Amino acid sequence: MNGKLCLYCSHFYVDIGSPRYSELTPGSNFEMSCAKNVWLFNAFGQSQDAFRRTLERGLTCVHFEKRA
């Protein structure tokens, strides 16, 4: 592996979510996406292989920019 995974790209976005604080303040769900709209990953009902393939999109992506 050459390190060109979406995880290391400056366009990679992840929000691990947050629990709700009360009945009136709902939490947020896990969200992971590409800021260049190459992909959007929905974690619910996805396999580990689908997760891996999503992050490997960076191997061939023309928008890949290594994060500082």
N, C-alpha and C. Protein backbone atom coordinates (compact mmCIF):
# COMPACT_ATOMS: atom_id res chain seq x y z
N MET A 1 0.85 -1.18 0.00
CA MET A 1 0.00 0.00 0.00
C MET A 1 0.90 1.24 0.00
N ASN A 2 0.58 2.21 -0.81
CA ASN A 2 1.44 3.38 -0.96
C ASN A 2 1.00 4.59 -0.14
N GLY A 3 0.03 4.46 0.72
CA GLY A 3 -0.42 5.58 1.55
C GLY A 3 -1.39 6.51 0.86
N LYS A 4 -1.80 6.17 -0.35
CA LYS A 4 -2.73 7.03 -1.08
C LYS A 4 -4.17 6.55 -0.84
N LEU A 5 -4.55 6.50 0.41
CA LEU A 5 -5.90 6.13 0.79
C LEU A 5 -6.68 7.40 1.11
N CYS A 6 -7.97 7.37 0.95
CA CYS A 6 -8.81 8.54 1.22
C CYS A 6 -8.59 9.06 2.64
N LEU A 7 -8.29 8.19 3.54
CA LEU A 7 -8.03 8.57 4.93
C LEU A 7 -6.92 9.61 5.03
N TYR A 8 -5.98 9.60 4.12
CA TYR A 8 -4.84 10.52 4.14
C TYR A 8 -5.02 11.71 3.19
N CYS A 9 -6.19 11.86 2.61
CA CYS A 9 -6.47 12.93 1.65
C CYS A 9 -7.03 14.16 2.37
N SER A 10 -6.68 15.33 1.87
CA SER A 10 -7.18 16.57 2.47
C SER A 10 -8.68 16.76 2.26
N HIS A 11 -9.29 16.01 1.36
CA HIS A 11 -10.72 16.12 1.09
C HIS A 11 -11.56 15.11 1.88
N PHE A 12 -10.91 14.31 2.72
CA PHE A 12 -11.59 13.31 3.54
C PHE A 12 -12.29 14.00 4.70
N TYR A 13 -13.57 13.66 4.91
CA TYR A 13 -14.35 14.23 6.01
C TYR A 13 -14.94 13.09 6.83
N VAL A 14 -14.81 13.19 8.14
CA VAL A 14 -15.45 12.22 9.02
C VAL A 14 -15.98 12.94 10.26
N ASP A 15 -17.18 12.56 10.66
CA ASP A 15 -17.80 13.04 11.89
C ASP A 15 -18.26 11.79 12.62
N ILE A 16 -17.69 11.50 13.77
CA ILE A 16 -18.02 10.26 14.46
C ILE A 16 -19.38 10.31 15.15
N GLY A 17 -20.04 11.45 15.09
CA GLY A 17 -21.36 11.58 15.69
C GLY A 17 -21.27 11.95 17.15
N SER A 18 -22.42 12.18 17.73
CA SER A 18 -22.48 12.52 19.14
C SER A 18 -23.78 12.02 19.74
N PRO A 19 -23.74 11.66 21.02
CA PRO A 19 -24.96 11.18 21.66
C PRO A 19 -25.92 12.33 21.93
N ARG A 20 -27.16 11.99 22.11
CA ARG A 20 -28.11 13.06 22.44
C ARG A 20 -27.94 13.47 23.90
N TYR A 21 -28.25 14.71 24.17
CA TYR A 21 -28.08 15.24 25.53
C TYR A 21 -29.36 15.17 26.34
N SER A 22 -30.49 15.24 25.67
CA SER A 22 -31.77 15.16 26.37
C SER A 22 -32.83 14.77 25.35
N GLU A 23 -34.05 14.73 25.80
CA GLU A 23 -35.17 14.43 24.90
C GLU A 23 -35.33 15.51 23.83
N LEU A 24 -34.87 16.72 24.10
CA LEU A 24 -35.05 17.84 23.18
C LEU A 24 -33.83 18.09 22.29
N THR A 25 -32.72 17.48 22.59
CA THR A 25 -31.51 17.70 21.79
C THR A 25 -31.01 16.37 21.24
N PRO A 26 -31.41 16.04 20.03
CA PRO A 26 -30.99 14.76 19.46
C PRO A 26 -29.50 14.78 19.13
N GLY A 27 -28.91 13.61 19.06
CA GLY A 27 -27.51 13.49 18.69
C GLY A 27 -27.36 13.50 17.17
N SER A 28 -26.19 13.17 16.71
CA SER A 28 -25.95 13.08 15.28
C SER A 28 -25.33 11.74 14.95
N ASN A 29 -25.53 11.28 13.74
CA ASN A 29 -25.02 9.99 13.30
C ASN A 29 -23.60 10.12 12.76
N PHE A 30 -22.95 8.98 12.65
CA PHE A 30 -21.65 8.89 12.01
C PHE A 30 -21.79 9.32 10.55
N GLU A 31 -20.85 10.12 10.06
CA GLU A 31 -20.88 10.55 8.66
C GLU A 31 -19.44 10.55 8.13
N MET A 32 -19.27 10.01 6.94
CA MET A 32 -17.96 9.98 6.30
C MET A 32 -18.16 10.23 4.81
N SER A 33 -17.39 11.18 4.26
CA SER A 33 -17.57 11.51 2.85
C SER A 33 -16.32 12.14 2.26
N CYS A 34 -16.39 12.35 0.96
CA CYS A 34 -15.34 13.04 0.23
C CYS A 34 -15.84 14.45 -0.07
N ALA A 35 -15.05 15.46 0.27
CA ALA A 35 -15.45 16.85 0.03
C ALA A 35 -15.54 17.18 -1.46
N LYS A 36 -14.96 16.34 -2.30
CA LYS A 36 -15.04 16.52 -3.75
C LYS A 36 -16.22 15.75 -4.35
N ASN A 37 -17.06 15.19 -3.49
CA ASN A 37 -18.26 14.43 -3.90
C ASN A 37 -17.94 13.21 -4.76
N VAL A 38 -16.78 12.61 -4.51
CA VAL A 38 -16.44 11.37 -5.21
C VAL A 38 -17.23 10.21 -4.61
N TRP A 39 -17.44 10.24 -3.31
CA TRP A 39 -18.20 9.19 -2.63
C TRP A 39 -18.81 9.71 -1.33
N LEU A 40 -19.82 9.02 -0.86
CA LEU A 40 -20.45 9.25 0.43
C LEU A 40 -20.67 7.88 1.03
N PHE A 41 -20.20 7.64 2.22
CA PHE A 41 -20.32 6.33 2.84
C PHE A 41 -21.41 6.33 3.89
N ASN A 42 -22.36 5.43 3.73
CA ASN A 42 -23.41 5.22 4.73
C ASN A 42 -23.03 3.99 5.53
N ALA A 43 -22.65 4.18 6.78
CA ALA A 43 -22.12 3.09 7.60
C ALA A 43 -23.15 2.04 7.98
N PHE A 44 -24.41 2.36 7.92
CA PHE A 44 -25.43 1.43 8.36
C PHE A 44 -25.73 0.40 7.29
N GLY A 45 -25.55 -0.86 7.65
CA GLY A 45 -25.82 -1.96 6.73
C GLY A 45 -24.69 -2.22 5.75
N GLN A 46 -23.52 -1.62 5.95
CA GLN A 46 -22.39 -1.83 5.05
C GLN A 46 -21.41 -2.83 5.68
N SER A 47 -20.73 -3.55 4.82
CA SER A 47 -19.75 -4.53 5.30
C SER A 47 -18.38 -3.89 5.48
N GLN A 48 -17.50 -4.63 6.13
CA GLN A 48 -16.12 -4.17 6.28
C GLN A 48 -15.45 -4.04 4.92
N ASP A 49 -15.77 -4.94 4.01
CA ASP A 49 -15.20 -4.86 2.66
C ASP A 49 -15.65 -3.60 1.94
N ALA A 50 -16.90 -3.20 2.10
CA ALA A 50 -17.39 -1.97 1.48
C ALA A 50 -16.66 -0.76 2.07
N PHE A 51 -16.42 -0.78 3.36
CA PHE A 51 -15.68 0.30 4.02
C PHE A 51 -14.26 0.38 3.46
N ARG A 52 -13.62 -0.76 3.34
CA ARG A 52 -12.25 -0.82 2.81
C ARG A 52 -12.19 -0.32 1.37
N ARG A 53 -13.13 -0.76 0.54
CA ARG A 53 -13.16 -0.33 -0.87
C ARG A 53 -13.38 1.18 -0.98
N THR A 54 -14.17 1.74 -0.09
CA THR A 54 -14.41 3.18 -0.09
C THR A 54 -13.11 3.94 0.15
N LEU A 55 -12.37 3.54 1.18
CA LEU A 55 -11.12 4.23 1.50
C LEU A 55 -10.05 4.01 0.43
N GLU A 56 -10.12 2.90 -0.29
CA GLU A 56 -9.16 2.62 -1.35
C GLU A 56 -9.43 3.40 -2.63
N ARG A 57 -10.53 4.12 -2.70
CA ARG A 57 -10.81 4.93 -3.89
C ARG A 57 -9.71 5.95 -4.15
N GLY A 58 -9.02 6.37 -3.10
CA GLY A 58 -7.93 7.32 -3.23
C GLY A 58 -6.78 6.81 -4.10
N LEU A 59 -6.65 5.50 -4.22
CA LEU A 59 -5.57 4.92 -5.01
C LEU A 59 -5.63 5.37 -6.46
N THR A 60 -6.83 5.63 -6.96
CA THR A 60 -7.00 6.01 -8.37
C THR A 60 -7.69 7.36 -8.55
N CYS A 61 -7.92 8.07 -7.45
CA CYS A 61 -8.68 9.32 -7.52
C CYS A 61 -7.83 10.49 -8.06
N VAL A 62 -8.39 11.23 -9.00
CA VAL A 62 -7.67 12.38 -9.59
C VAL A 62 -7.69 13.58 -8.64
N HIS A 63 -8.56 13.57 -7.64
CA HIS A 63 -8.67 14.68 -6.68
C HIS A 63 -7.80 14.49 -5.44
N PHE A 64 -7.10 13.36 -5.34
CA PHE A 64 -6.32 13.07 -4.14
C PHE A 64 -5.25 14.14 -3.89
N GLU A 65 -5.27 14.67 -2.68
CA GLU A 65 -4.24 15.63 -2.24
C GLU A 65 -3.80 15.21 -0.85
N LYS A 66 -2.56 14.88 -0.70
CA LYS A 66 -2.05 14.43 0.59
C LYS A 66 -2.25 15.49 1.66
N ARG A 67 -2.81 15.06 2.79
CA ARG A 67 -3.06 15.94 3.91
C ARG A 67 -1.74 16.32 4.57
N ALA A 68 -1.64 17.54 5.01
CA ALA A 68 -0.39 18.00 5.67
C ALA A 68 -0.27 17.45 7.06
